[in-house]
Amino acid sequence: MNLNKIKKNSTYEIKDKLKKSKFDILTNENDFLVKNLKKAG
């Protein structure tokens, strides 16, 4: 078993999950802002 290979794969998976979660948070914030703007408008 190659430990470096496993390390790289797990790091990549973690980064990928972080990107997805950050994107989800941004999407939720944008939805919230749009809803508030529509209410105000």
PDB file of N, CA and C in Angstrom:
ATOM      1  N   MET A   1       0.834  -1.203   0.000  1.00  0.00           N
ATOM      2  CA  MET A   1       0.000   0.000   0.000  1.00  0.00           C
ATOM      3  C   MET A   1       0.873   1.259   0.000  1.00  0.00           C
ATOM      4  N   ASN A   2       0.518   2.201  -0.827  1.00  0.00           N
ATOM      5  CA  ASN A   2       1.301   3.427  -0.919  1.00  0.00           C
ATOM      6  C   ASN A   2       0.634   4.515  -0.067  1.00  0.00           C
ATOM      7  N   LEU A   3       1.289   4.893   1.012  1.00  0.00           N
ATOM      8  CA  LEU A   3       0.702   5.873   1.936  1.00  0.00           C
ATOM      9  C   LEU A   3       0.536   7.249   1.304  1.00  0.00           C
ATOM     10  N   ASN A   4       1.482   7.648   0.448  1.00  0.00           N
ATOM     11  CA  ASN A   4       1.370   8.948  -0.208  1.00  0.00           C
ATOM     12  C   ASN A   4       0.131   9.025  -1.075  1.00  0.00           C
ATOM     13  N   LYS A   5      -0.154   7.933  -1.766  1.00  0.00           N
ATOM     14  CA  LYS A   5      -1.323   7.895  -2.646  1.00  0.00           C
ATOM     15  C   LYS A   5      -2.603   8.076  -1.828  1.00  0.00           C
ATOM     16  N   ILE A   6      -2.682   7.379  -0.712  1.00  0.00           N
ATOM     17  CA  ILE A   6      -3.864   7.471   0.162  1.00  0.00           C
ATOM     18  C   ILE A   6      -3.988   8.891   0.706  1.00  0.00           C
ATOM     19  N   LYS A   7      -2.867   9.454   1.128  1.00  0.00           N
ATOM     20  CA  LYS A   7      -2.864  10.808   1.686  1.00  0.00           C
ATOM     21  C   LYS A   7      -3.384  11.818   0.659  1.00  0.00           C
ATOM     22  N   LYS A   8      -2.901  11.738  -0.562  1.00  0.00           N
ATOM     23  CA  LYS A   8      -3.332  12.655  -1.611  1.00  0.00           C
ATOM     24  C   LYS A   8      -4.822  12.505  -1.884  1.00  0.00           C
ATOM     25  N   ASN A   9      -5.290  11.260  -1.957  1.00  0.00           N
ATOM     26  CA  ASN A   9      -6.705  11.020  -2.248  1.00  0.00           C
ATOM     27  C   ASN A   9      -7.599  11.577  -1.151  1.00  0.00           C
ATOM     28  N   SER A  10      -7.235  11.335   0.099  1.00  0.00           N
ATOM     29  CA  SER A  10      -8.070  11.824   1.195  1.00  0.00           C
ATOM     30  C   SER A  10      -8.065  13.347   1.243  1.00  0.00           C
ATOM     31  N   THR A  11      -6.914  13.961   0.978  1.00  0.00           N
ATOM     32  CA  THR A  11      -6.826  15.418   0.973  1.00  0.00           C
ATOM     33  C   THR A  11      -7.708  15.981  -0.131  1.00  0.00           C
ATOM     34  N   TYR A  12      -7.666  15.341  -1.280  1.00  0.00           N
ATOM     35  CA  TYR A  12      -8.479  15.794  -2.407  1.00  0.00           C
ATOM     36  C   TYR A  12      -9.967  15.677  -2.075  1.00  0.00           C
ATOM     37  N   GLU A  13     -10.347  14.556  -1.462  1.00  0.00           N
ATOM     38  CA  GLU A  13     -11.755  14.352  -1.097  1.00  0.00           C
ATOM     39  C   GLU A  13     -12.209  15.407  -0.099  1.00  0.00           C
ATOM     40  N   ILE A  14     -11.366  15.702   0.871  1.00  0.00           N
ATOM     41  CA  ILE A  14     -11.715  16.712   1.880  1.00  0.00           C
ATOM     42  C   ILE A  14     -11.877  18.077   1.224  1.00  0.00           C
ATOM     43  N   LYS A  15     -10.938  18.442   0.339  1.00  0.00           N
ATOM     44  CA  LYS A  15     -11.027  19.726  -0.359  1.00  0.00           C
ATOM     45  C   LYS A  15     -12.296  19.792  -1.190  1.00  0.00           C
ATOM     46  N   ASP A  16     -12.625  18.679  -1.854  1.00  0.00           N
ATOM     47  CA  ASP A  16     -13.818  18.625  -2.687  1.00  0.00           C
ATOM     48  C   ASP A  16     -15.074  18.835  -1.844  1.00  0.00           C
ATOM     49  N   LYS A  17     -15.124  18.190  -0.690  1.00  0.00           N
ATOM     50  CA  LYS A  17     -16.282  18.341   0.200  1.00  0.00           C
ATOM     51  C   LYS A  17     -16.386  19.774   0.714  1.00  0.00           C
ATOM     52  N   LEU A  18     -15.236  20.371   1.033  1.00  0.00           N
ATOM     53  CA  LEU A  18     -15.235  21.757   1.510  1.00  0.00           C
ATOM     54  C   LEU A  18     -15.758  22.699   0.438  1.00  0.00           C
ATOM     55  N   LYS A  19     -15.307  22.503  -0.806  1.00  0.00           N
ATOM     56  CA  LYS A  19     -15.778  23.348  -1.907  1.00  0.00           C
ATOM     57  C   LYS A  19     -17.287  23.246  -2.033  1.00  0.00           C
ATOM     58  N   LYS A  20     -17.808  22.024  -1.971  1.00  0.00           N
ATOM     59  CA  LYS A  20     -19.252  21.821  -2.117  1.00  0.00           C
ATOM     60  C   LYS A  20     -20.003  22.488  -0.978  1.00  0.00           C
ATOM     61  N   SER A  21     -19.502  22.325   0.260  1.00  0.00           N
ATOM     62  CA  SER A  21     -20.212  22.906   1.398  1.00  0.00           C
ATOM     63  C   SER A  21     -20.163  24.436   1.343  1.00  0.00           C
ATOM     64  N   LYS A  22     -19.016  25.002   0.930  1.00  0.00           N
ATOM     65  CA  LYS A  22     -18.932  26.463   0.804  1.00  0.00           C
ATOM     66  C   LYS A  22     -19.907  26.951  -0.255  1.00  0.00           C
ATOM     67  N   PHE A  23     -20.012  26.214  -1.349  1.00  0.00           N
ATOM     68  CA  PHE A  23     -20.919  26.596  -2.426  1.00  0.00           C
ATOM     69  C   PHE A  23     -22.363  26.546  -1.938  1.00  0.00           C
ATOM     70  N   ASP A  24     -22.705  25.505  -1.169  1.00  0.00           N
ATOM     71  CA  ASP A  24     -24.063  25.390  -0.618  1.00  0.00           C
ATOM     72  C   ASP A  24     -24.372  26.566   0.297  1.00  0.00           C
ATOM     73  N   ILE A  25     -23.411  26.951   1.130  1.00  0.00           N
ATOM     74  CA  ILE A  25     -23.621  28.076   2.057  1.00  0.00           C
ATOM     75  C   ILE A  25     -23.848  29.362   1.275  1.00  0.00           C
ATOM     76  N   LEU A  26     -23.029  29.595   0.252  1.00  0.00           N
ATOM     77  CA  LEU A  26     -23.184  30.798  -0.564  1.00  0.00           C
ATOM     78  C   LEU A  26     -24.539  30.812  -1.260  1.00  0.00           C
ATOM     79  N   THR A  27     -24.962  29.667  -1.754  1.00  0.00           N
ATOM     80  CA  THR A  27     -26.251  29.577  -2.434  1.00  0.00           C
ATOM     81  C   THR A  27     -27.378  29.904  -1.461  1.00  0.00           C
ATOM     82  N   ASN A  28     -27.297  29.376  -0.254  1.00  0.00           N
ATOM     83  CA  ASN A  28     -28.321  29.657   0.756  1.00  0.00           C
ATOM     84  C   ASN A  28     -28.349  31.133   1.110  1.00  0.00           C
ATOM     85  N   GLU A  29     -27.183  31.753   1.242  1.00  0.00           N
ATOM     86  CA  GLU A  29     -27.128  33.184   1.560  1.00  0.00           C
ATOM     87  C   GLU A  29     -27.723  34.007   0.426  1.00  0.00           C
ATOM     88  N   ASN A  30     -27.412  33.641  -0.809  1.00  0.00           N
ATOM     89  CA  ASN A  30     -27.949  34.361  -1.958  1.00  0.00           C
ATOM     90  C   ASN A  30     -29.466  34.237  -2.004  1.00  0.00           C
ATOM     91  N   ASP A  31     -29.997  33.040  -1.758  1.00  0.00           N
ATOM     92  CA  ASP A  31     -31.444  32.843  -1.741  1.00  0.00           C
ATOM     93  C   ASP A  31     -32.086  33.738  -0.690  1.00  0.00           C
ATOM     94  N   PHE A  32     -31.464  33.806   0.476  1.00  0.00           N
ATOM     95  CA  PHE A  32     -31.971  34.623   1.568  1.00  0.00           C
ATOM     96  C   PHE A  32     -32.003  36.096   1.165  1.00  0.00           C
ATOM     97  N   LEU A  33     -30.903  36.561   0.570  1.00  0.00           N
ATOM     98  CA  LEU A  33     -30.825  37.965   0.153  1.00  0.00           C
ATOM     99  C   LEU A  33     -31.869  38.280  -0.916  1.00  0.00           C
ATOM    100  N   VAL A  34     -32.029  37.386  -1.872  1.00  0.00           N
ATOM    101  CA  VAL A  34     -32.998  37.613  -2.950  1.00  0.00           C
ATOM    102  C   VAL A  34     -34.408  37.687  -2.381  1.00  0.00           C
ATOM    103  N   LYS A  35     -34.727  36.795  -1.444  1.00  0.00           N
ATOM    104  CA  LYS A  35     -36.067  36.803  -0.822  1.00  0.00           C
ATOM    105  C   LYS A  35     -36.314  38.130  -0.108  1.00  0.00           C
ATOM    106  N   ASN A  36     -35.298  38.603   0.636  1.00  0.00           N
ATOM    107  CA  ASN A  36     -35.447  39.873   1.352  1.00  0.00           C
ATOM    108  C   ASN A  36     -35.594  41.050   0.393  1.00  0.00           C
ATOM    109  N   LEU A  37     -34.875  41.025  -0.698  1.00  0.00           N
ATOM    110  CA  LEU A  37     -34.984  42.108  -1.694  1.00  0.00           C
ATOM    111  C   LEU A  37     -36.374  42.118  -2.317  1.00  0.00           C
ATOM    112  N   LYS A  38     -36.900  40.939  -2.594  1.00  0.00           N
ATOM    113  CA  LYS A  38     -38.244  40.851  -3.196  1.00  0.00           C
ATOM    114  C   LYS A  38     -39.291  41.401  -2.230  1.00  0.00           C
ATOM    115  N   LYS A  39     -39.132  41.087  -0.927  1.00  0.00           N
ATOM    116  CA  LYS A  39     -40.065  41.587   0.077  1.00  0.00           C
ATOM    117  C   LYS A  39     -40.008  43.119   0.126  1.00  0.00           C
ATOM    118  N   ALA A  40     -38.792  43.644   0.106  1.00  0.00           N
ATOM    119  CA  ALA A  40     -38.618  45.087   0.191  1.00  0.00           C
ATOM    120  C   ALA A  40     -39.124  45.784  -1.069  1.00  0.00           C
ATOM    121  N   GLY A  41     -38.953  45.139  -2.201  1.00  0.00           N
ATOM    122  CA  GLY A  41     -39.345  45.739  -3.470  1.00  0.00           C
ATOM    123  C   GLY A  41     -40.810  45.620  -3.685  1.00  0.00           C
TER     124      GLY A  41
END
